[in-house]
C-alpha atoms as a PDB file:
ATOM      1  CA  UNK A   1      30.226  -8.001 -10.345  1.00  0.00           C
ATOM      2  CA  UNK A   2      31.632 -11.079 -11.312  1.00  0.00           C
ATOM      3  CA  UNK A   3      34.710 -11.121 -13.397  1.00  0.00           C
ATOM      4  CA  UNK A   4      34.516 -10.202 -17.299  1.00  0.00           C
ATOM      5  CA  UNK A   5      35.694 -14.178 -18.006  1.00  0.00           C
ATOM      6  CA  UNK A   6      32.688 -15.468 -15.611  1.00  0.00           C
ATOM      7  CA  UNK A   7      30.501 -12.783 -17.651  1.00  0.00           C
ATOM      8  CA  UNK A   8      31.545 -13.864 -20.908  1.00  0.00           C
ATOM      9  CA  UNK A   9      30.576 -17.451 -20.272  1.00  0.00           C
ATOM     10  CA  UNK A  10      27.382 -16.312 -18.510  1.00  0.00           C
ATOM     11  CA  UNK A  11      26.353 -14.568 -21.734  1.00  0.00           C
ATOM     12  CA  UNK A  12      27.367 -17.350 -24.083  1.00  0.00           C
ATOM     13  CA  UNK A  13      25.475 -19.984 -21.803  1.00  0.00           C
ATOM     14  CA  UNK A  14      22.280 -18.057 -21.201  1.00  0.00           C
ATOM     15  CA  UNK A  15      22.091 -17.445 -25.202  1.00  0.00           C
ATOM     16  CA  UNK A  16      22.517 -21.030 -25.991  1.00  0.00           C
ATOM     17  CA  UNK A  17      19.932 -22.043 -23.589  1.00  0.00           C
ATOM     18  CA  UNK A  18      17.678 -19.380 -24.790  1.00  0.00           C
ATOM     19  CA  UNK A  19      17.536 -19.915 -28.477  1.00  0.00           C
ATOM     20  CA  UNK A  20      17.146 -23.768 -28.246  1.00  0.00           C
ATOM     21  CA  UNK A  21      13.628 -24.112 -28.786  1.00  0.00           C
ATOM     22  CA  UNK A  22      11.753 -25.034 -25.327  1.00  0.00           C
ATOM     23  CA  UNK A  23       8.442 -24.941 -23.652  1.00  0.00           C
ATOM     24  CA  UNK A  24       8.011 -21.426 -23.285  1.00  0.00           C
ATOM     25  CA  UNK A  25       8.940 -20.571 -26.939  1.00  0.00           C
ATOM     26  CA  UNK A  26       6.588 -23.352 -28.099  1.00  0.00           C
ATOM     27  CA  UNK A  27       3.941 -21.825 -25.657  1.00  0.00           C
ATOM     28  CA  UNK A  28       4.211 -18.605 -26.965  1.00  0.00           C
ATOM     29  CA  UNK A  29       4.016 -19.644 -30.686  1.00  0.00           C
ATOM     30  CA  UNK A  30       0.859 -21.537 -29.816  1.00  0.00           C
ATOM     31  CA  UNK A  31      -0.652 -18.398 -28.307  1.00  0.00           C
ATOM     32  CA  UNK A  32       0.089 -16.674 -31.544  1.00  0.00           C
ATOM     33  CA  UNK A  33      -1.162 -19.778 -33.689  1.00  0.00           C
ATOM     34  CA  UNK A  34      -4.392 -19.576 -31.670  1.00  0.00           C
ATOM     35  CA  UNK A  35      -5.000 -16.000 -31.131  1.00  0.00           C
ATOM     36  CA  UNK A  36      -3.004 -13.979 -33.546  1.00  0.00           C
ATOM     37  CA  UNK A  37       0.726 -12.126 -33.471  1.00  0.00           C
ATOM     38  CA  UNK A  38      -0.465  -9.372 -30.800  1.00  0.00           C
ATOM     39  CA  UNK A  39      -1.939 -12.048 -28.300  1.00  0.00           C
ATOM     40  CA  UNK A  40       1.431 -13.930 -29.055  1.00  0.00           C
ATOM     41  CA  UNK A  41       3.670 -11.021 -28.141  1.00  0.00           C
ATOM     42  CA  UNK A  42       1.329 -10.314 -25.016  1.00  0.00           C
ATOM     43  CA  UNK A  43       1.861 -13.923 -24.175  1.00  0.00           C
ATOM     44  CA  UNK A  44       5.508 -13.127 -24.165  1.00  0.00           C
ATOM     45  CA  UNK A  45       5.121 -10.266 -21.930  1.00  0.00           C
ATOM     46  CA  UNK A  46       3.084 -12.240 -19.299  1.00  0.00           C
ATOM     47  CA  UNK A  47       5.975 -14.882 -19.360  1.00  0.00           C
ATOM     48  CA  UNK A  48       8.561 -12.097 -19.063  1.00  0.00           C
ATOM     49  CA  UNK A  49       6.640 -10.534 -16.143  1.00  0.00           C
ATOM     50  CA  UNK A  50       5.851 -13.840 -14.381  1.00  0.00           C
ATOM     51  CA  UNK A  51       9.441 -14.613 -14.518  1.00  0.00           C
ATOM     52  CA  UNK A  52      10.224 -11.995 -11.950  1.00  0.00           C
ATOM     53  CA  UNK A  53       8.496 -13.746  -9.252  1.00  0.00           C
ATOM     54  CA  UNK A  54      11.080 -16.581  -9.663  1.00  0.00           C
ATOM     55  CA  UNK A  55      14.002 -14.089 -10.097  1.00  0.00           C
ATOM     56  CA  UNK A  56      12.960 -12.305  -6.514  1.00  0.00           C
ATOM     57  CA  UNK A  57      12.357 -15.575  -5.089  1.00  0.00           C
ATOM     58  CA  UNK A  58      15.756 -16.776  -5.940  1.00  0.00           C
ATOM     59  CA  UNK A  59      17.490 -13.975  -4.981  1.00  0.00           C
ATOM     60  CA  UNK A  60      15.797 -13.888  -1.489  1.00  0.00           C
ATOM     61  CA  UNK A  61      16.502 -17.924  -1.326  1.00  0.00           C
ATOM     62  CA  UNK A  62      12.907 -18.665  -1.501  1.00  0.00           C
ATOM     63  CA  UNK A  63      13.098 -21.127  -4.588  1.00  0.00           C
ATOM     64  CA  UNK A  64      15.121 -23.429  -1.728  1.00  0.00           C
ATOM     65  CA  UNK A  65      11.539 -24.250  -0.404  1.00  0.00           C
ATOM     66  CA  UNK A  66      10.994 -26.493  -3.684  1.00  0.00           C
ATOM     67  CA  UNK A  67      14.229 -28.565  -2.830  1.00  0.00           C
ATOM     68  CA  UNK A  68      13.587 -28.589   0.758  1.00  0.00           C
ATOM     69  CA  UNK A  69       9.581 -29.562   0.400  1.00  0.00           C
ATOM     70  CA  UNK A  70       8.969 -31.971  -2.192  1.00  0.00           C
ATOM     71  CA  UNK A  71       5.348 -32.114  -1.781  1.00  0.00           C
ATOM     72  CA  UNK A  72       5.154 -28.017  -2.268  1.00  0.00           C
ATOM     73  CA  UNK A  73       6.954 -28.601  -5.515  1.00  0.00           C
ATOM     74  CA  UNK A  74       4.678 -31.172  -6.556  1.00  0.00           C
ATOM     75  CA  UNK A  75       1.722 -29.373  -5.767  1.00  0.00           C
ATOM     76  CA  UNK A  76       2.760 -26.155  -7.798  1.00  0.00           C
ATOM     77  CA  UNK A  77       3.710 -28.193 -10.389  1.00  0.00           C
ATOM     78  CA  UNK A  78       0.253 -29.994 -10.753  1.00  0.00           C
ATOM     79  CA  UNK A  79      -1.584 -26.718 -10.491  1.00  0.00           C
ATOM     80  CA  UNK A  80       0.631 -25.232 -13.636  1.00  0.00           C
ATOM     81  CA  UNK A  81      -0.047 -28.752 -15.387  1.00  0.00           C
ATOM     82  CA  UNK A  82      -3.529 -28.288 -14.700  1.00  0.00           C
ATOM     83  CA  UNK A  83      -4.047 -24.703 -15.977  1.00  0.00           C
ATOM     84  CA  UNK A  84      -2.220 -25.497 -19.192  1.00  0.00           C
ATOM     85  CA  UNK A  85      -4.478 -28.172 -19.653  1.00  0.00           C
ATOM     86  CA  UNK A  86      -7.530 -26.074 -19.021  1.00  0.00           C
ATOM     87  CA  UNK A  87      -6.312 -23.479 -21.298  1.00  0.00           C
ATOM     88  CA  UNK A  88      -5.431 -25.936 -24.382  1.00  0.00           C
ATOM     89  CA  UNK A  89      -8.982 -27.559 -23.760  1.00  0.00           C
ATOM     90  CA  UNK A  90     -10.406 -24.449 -23.841  1.00  0.00           C
ATOM     91  CA  UNK A  91      -9.044 -23.732 -27.219  1.00  0.00           C
ATOM     92  CA  UNK A  92      -9.837 -27.000 -28.438  1.00  0.00           C
ATOM     93  CA  UNK A  93     -13.793 -26.154 -27.930  1.00  0.00           C
ATOM     94  CA  UNK A  94     -13.953 -22.740 -28.684  1.00  0.00           C
ATOM     95  CA  UNK A  95     -15.565 -21.326 -32.051  1.00  0.00           C
ATOM     96  CA  UNK A  96     -13.817 -19.007 -34.398  1.00  0.00           C
ATOM     97  CA  UNK A  97     -16.855 -17.947 -36.091  1.00  0.00           C
ATOM     98  CA  UNK A  98     -15.225 -16.953 -39.005  1.00  0.00           C
ATOM     99  CA  UNK A  99     -12.710 -14.574 -37.466  1.00  0.00           C
ATOM    100  CA  UNK A 100      -9.081 -13.749 -39.180  1.00  0.00           C
ATOM    101  CA  UNK A 101      -6.807 -15.207 -36.068  1.00  0.00           C
ATOM    102  CA  UNK A 102      -4.080 -12.938 -37.502  1.00  0.00           C
ATOM    103  CA  UNK A 103      -5.631  -9.827 -37.504  1.00  0.00           C
ATOM    104  CA  UNK A 104      -8.792  -9.746 -36.156  1.00  0.00           C
ATOM    105  CA  UNK A 105      -8.105 -10.684 -32.548  1.00  0.00           C
ATOM    106  CA  UNK A 106      -9.940  -9.019 -30.170  1.00  0.00           C
ATOM    107  CA  UNK A 107      -8.268  -7.207 -27.338  1.00  0.00           C
ATOM    108  CA  UNK A 108      -9.973  -9.006 -24.751  1.00  0.00           C
ATOM    109  CA  UNK A 109      -7.998 -12.321 -26.180  1.00  0.00           C
ATOM    110  CA  UNK A 110      -4.708 -10.439 -26.176  1.00  0.00           C
ATOM    111  CA  UNK A 111      -5.148  -9.364 -22.305  1.00  0.00           C
ATOM    112  CA  UNK A 112      -6.566 -13.036 -21.593  1.00  0.00           C
ATOM    113  CA  UNK A 113      -3.358 -14.354 -23.036  1.00  0.00           C
ATOM    114  CA  UNK A 114      -1.255 -11.844 -20.999  1.00  0.00           C
ATOM    115  CA  UNK A 115      -2.917 -12.791 -17.819  1.00  0.00           C
ATOM    116  CA  UNK A 116      -2.893 -16.676 -18.691  1.00  0.00           C
ATOM    117  CA  UNK A 117       1.091 -16.354 -19.416  1.00  0.00           C
ATOM    118  CA  UNK A 118       1.985 -14.803 -15.844  1.00  0.00           C
ATOM    119  CA  UNK A 119      -0.080 -17.375 -14.180  1.00  0.00           C
ATOM    120  CA  UNK A 120       1.280 -20.329 -16.227  1.00  0.00           C
ATOM    121  CA  UNK A 121       5.056 -19.030 -15.366  1.00  0.00           C
ATOM    122  CA  UNK A 122       4.464 -18.138 -11.666  1.00  0.00           C
ATOM    123  CA  UNK A 123       2.804 -22.002 -11.486  1.00  0.00           C
ATOM    124  CA  UNK A 124       5.729 -23.561 -12.960  1.00  0.00           C
ATOM    125  CA  UNK A 125       8.320 -24.763 -10.333  1.00  0.00           C
ATOM    126  CA  UNK A 126      10.786 -25.623 -13.061  1.00  0.00           C
ATOM    127  CA  UNK A 127      11.639 -21.959 -13.556  1.00  0.00           C
ATOM    128  CA  UNK A 128      12.422 -21.385 -10.212  1.00  0.00           C
ATOM    129  CA  UNK A 129      14.438 -24.345  -9.751  1.00  0.00           C
ATOM    130  CA  UNK A 130      16.594 -23.145 -13.151  1.00  0.00           C
ATOM    131  CA  UNK A 131      17.184 -20.127 -11.632  1.00  0.00           C
ATOM    132  CA  UNK A 132      18.459 -21.792  -8.372  1.00  0.00           C
ATOM    133  CA  UNK A 133      20.646 -23.869 -10.568  1.00  0.00           C
ATOM    134  CA  UNK A 134      21.809 -21.460 -13.054  1.00  0.00           C
ATOM    135  CA  UNK A 135      22.650 -18.419 -11.438  1.00  0.00           C
ATOM    136  CA  UNK A 136      24.839 -19.369  -8.674  1.00  0.00           C
ATOM    137  CA  UNK A 137      27.340 -20.892 -11.115  1.00  0.00           C
ATOM    138  CA  UNK A 138      28.146 -17.173 -11.952  1.00  0.00           C
ATOM    139  CA  UNK A 139      27.891 -15.165  -8.829  1.00  0.00           C
ATOM    140  CA  UNK A 140      31.113 -14.377  -7.426  1.00  0.00           C
ATOM    141  CA  UNK A 141      31.051 -14.112  -3.643  1.00  0.00           C
ATOM    142  CA  UNK A 142      34.362 -11.831  -3.597  1.00  0.00           C
ATOM    143  CA  UNK A 143      32.753  -9.284  -6.030  1.00  0.00           C
ATOM    144  CA  UNK A 144      31.589  -5.787  -4.708  1.00  0.00           C
ATOM    145  CA  UNK A 145      27.837  -6.244  -5.049  1.00  0.00           C
ATOM    146  CA  UNK A 146      26.136  -8.658  -2.474  1.00  0.00           C
ATOM    147  CA  UNK A 147      25.027 -11.942  -3.358  1.00  0.00           C
ATOM    148  CA  UNK A 148      21.428 -11.101  -3.755  1.00  0.00           C
ATOM    149  CA  UNK A 149      21.941  -8.102  -5.613  1.00  0.00           C
ATOM    150  CA  UNK A 150      24.047 -10.281  -8.262  1.00  0.00           C
ATOM    151  CA  UNK A 151      21.212 -13.064  -8.329  1.00  0.00           C
ATOM    152  CA  UNK A 152      18.755 -10.149  -9.100  1.00  0.00           C
ATOM    153  CA  UNK A 153      20.923  -8.388 -11.803  1.00  0.00           C
ATOM    154  CA  UNK A 154      21.980 -11.757 -13.554  1.00  0.00           C
ATOM    155  CA  UNK A 155      18.257 -12.770 -13.365  1.00  0.00           C
ATOM    156  CA  UNK A 156      16.785 -10.055 -15.015  1.00  0.00           C
ATOM    157  CA  UNK A 157      19.322 -10.440 -17.787  1.00  0.00           C
ATOM    158  CA  UNK A 158      18.590 -13.743 -18.103  1.00  0.00           C
ATOM    159  CA  UNK A 159      15.029 -12.834 -18.569  1.00  0.00           C
ATOM    160  CA  UNK A 160      15.333 -10.215 -21.239  1.00  0.00           C
ATOM    161  CA  UNK A 161      17.462 -12.928 -23.345  1.00  0.00           C
ATOM    162  CA  UNK A 162      15.077 -15.472 -22.522  1.00  0.00           C
ATOM    163  CA  UNK A 163      12.281 -13.074 -23.788  1.00  0.00           C
ATOM    164  CA  UNK A 164      14.101 -12.055 -27.130  1.00  0.00           C
ATOM    165  CA  UNK A 165      14.111 -16.025 -27.929  1.00  0.00           C
ATOM    166  CA  UNK A 166      10.514 -16.131 -27.518  1.00  0.00           C
ATOM    167  CA  UNK A 167       9.898 -13.061 -29.863  1.00  0.00           C
ATOM    168  CA  UNK A 168      11.587 -15.015 -32.430  1.00  0.00           C
ATOM    169  CA  UNK A 169       9.089 -17.602 -32.182  1.00  0.00           C
ATOM    170  CA  UNK A 170       6.124 -15.532 -32.235  1.00  0.00           C
ATOM    171  CA  UNK A 171       7.590 -13.597 -34.993  1.00  0.00           C
ATOM    172  CA  UNK A 172       7.974 -17.016 -36.874  1.00  0.00           C
ATOM    173  CA  UNK A 173       4.646 -18.307 -36.020  1.00  0.00           C
ATOM    174  CA  UNK A 174       3.049 -15.088 -37.041  1.00  0.00           C
ATOM    175  CA  UNK A 175       4.992 -15.498 -40.349  1.00  0.00           C
ATOM    176  CA  UNK A 176       3.154 -18.771 -40.823  1.00  0.00           C
ATOM    177  CA  UNK A 177      -0.196 -17.432 -39.990  1.00  0.00           C
ATOM    178  CA  UNK A 178       0.076 -14.990 -42.869  1.00  0.00           C
ATOM    179  CA  UNK A 179       0.968 -17.458 -45.311  1.00  0.00           C
ATOM    180  CA  UNK A 180      -1.949 -19.676 -44.271  1.00  0.00           C
ATOM    181  CA  UNK A 181      -5.362 -19.408 -46.461  1.00  0.00           C
ATOM    182  CA  UNK A 182      -7.579 -17.199 -44.367  1.00  0.00           C
ATOM    183  CA  UNK A 183     -10.761 -19.717 -44.352  1.00  0.00           C
ATOM    184  CA  UNK A 184     -12.743 -20.837 -41.095  1.00  0.00           C
ATOM    185  CA  UNK A 185     -11.645 -24.262 -41.664  1.00  0.00           C
ATOM    186  CA  UNK A 186      -7.882 -23.749 -41.172  1.00  0.00           C
ATOM    187  CA  UNK A 187      -8.522 -21.429 -38.952  1.00  0.00           C
ATOM    188  CA  UNK A 188     -10.369 -24.080 -36.709  1.00  0.00           C
ATOM    189  CA  UNK A 189      -7.309 -26.300 -37.406  1.00  0.00           C
ATOM    190  CA  UNK A 190      -4.853 -23.890 -36.665  1.00  0.00           C
ATOM    191  CA  UNK A 191      -6.581 -23.019 -33.258  1.00  0.00           C
ATOM    192  CA  UNK A 192      -7.311 -26.600 -32.162  1.00  0.00           C
ATOM    193  CA  UNK A 193      -3.492 -27.446 -32.887  1.00  0.00           C
ATOM    194  CA  UNK A 194      -2.376 -24.737 -30.613  1.00  0.00           C
ATOM    195  CA  UNK A 195      -4.911 -26.050 -27.887  1.00  0.00           C
ATOM    196  CA  UNK A 196      -3.392 -29.831 -28.522  1.00  0.00           C
ATOM    197  CA  UNK A 197       0.069 -28.150 -28.044  1.00  0.00           C
ATOM    198  CA  UNK A 198      -0.828 -26.472 -24.627  1.00  0.00           C
ATOM    199  CA  UNK A 199      -2.795 -29.470 -23.272  1.00  0.00           C
ATOM    200  CA  UNK A 200       0.666 -31.550 -24.447  1.00  0.00           C
ATOM    201  CA  UNK A 201       2.837 -29.082 -22.534  1.00  0.00           C
ATOM    202  CA  UNK A 202       0.518 -29.385 -19.407  1.00  0.00           C
ATOM    203  CA  UNK A 203       0.880 -33.135 -19.645  1.00  0.00           C
ATOM    204  CA  UNK A 204       4.501 -33.034 -20.221  1.00  0.00           C
ATOM    205  CA  UNK A 205       4.822 -30.558 -17.020  1.00  0.00           C
ATOM    206  CA  UNK A 206       2.804 -33.116 -14.887  1.00  0.00           C
ATOM    207  CA  UNK A 207       5.069 -36.269 -15.593  1.00  0.00           C
ATOM    208  CA  UNK A 208       8.355 -34.335 -15.537  1.00  0.00           C
ATOM    209  CA  UNK A 209      10.671 -35.254 -12.926  1.00  0.00           C
ATOM    210  CA  UNK A 210      12.450 -32.961 -10.909  1.00  0.00           C
END
């Protein structure tokens, strides 16, 4: 494995990146506000599972394709952006019918949040490029472990740390939900606000440069 000094720098840098509010944390919080705390937790799990696709891709060197084939990167990014926009639009036009979004969320909503989150993360090429740019800085070619195994181990650690930060976002959003007046009007505003956030994330991804 890399040296102690390199690993220390790795953990500090990863924690700084993870706990600065970013799109993943905002996405998980929006799912929480729209579907409830359990759905938010399932969204974090979905992001975590989807991220392993990019970790394996980085370890295998497949992420280099996004740099070598610009049109492939654009197509995947556009698919991810359109999916986010569609999710947000679905929330905007949905009706709550008097449900309590904090506690009366149907199991299928949580399952939907889990599946949606996997798809969103897999279709986000920025995640692949992040691992490709970030992990090599902490890989030691002279270490006992092969480079691909170092990529895999470091990627898993990064994923766990980022997921812990997303969990904090969900818990904070859940606490805010608990303080809101539980009325159909407020629930509708919250749900549509979360939908607008997801649409905004999709538009941001679509127009974001590599």
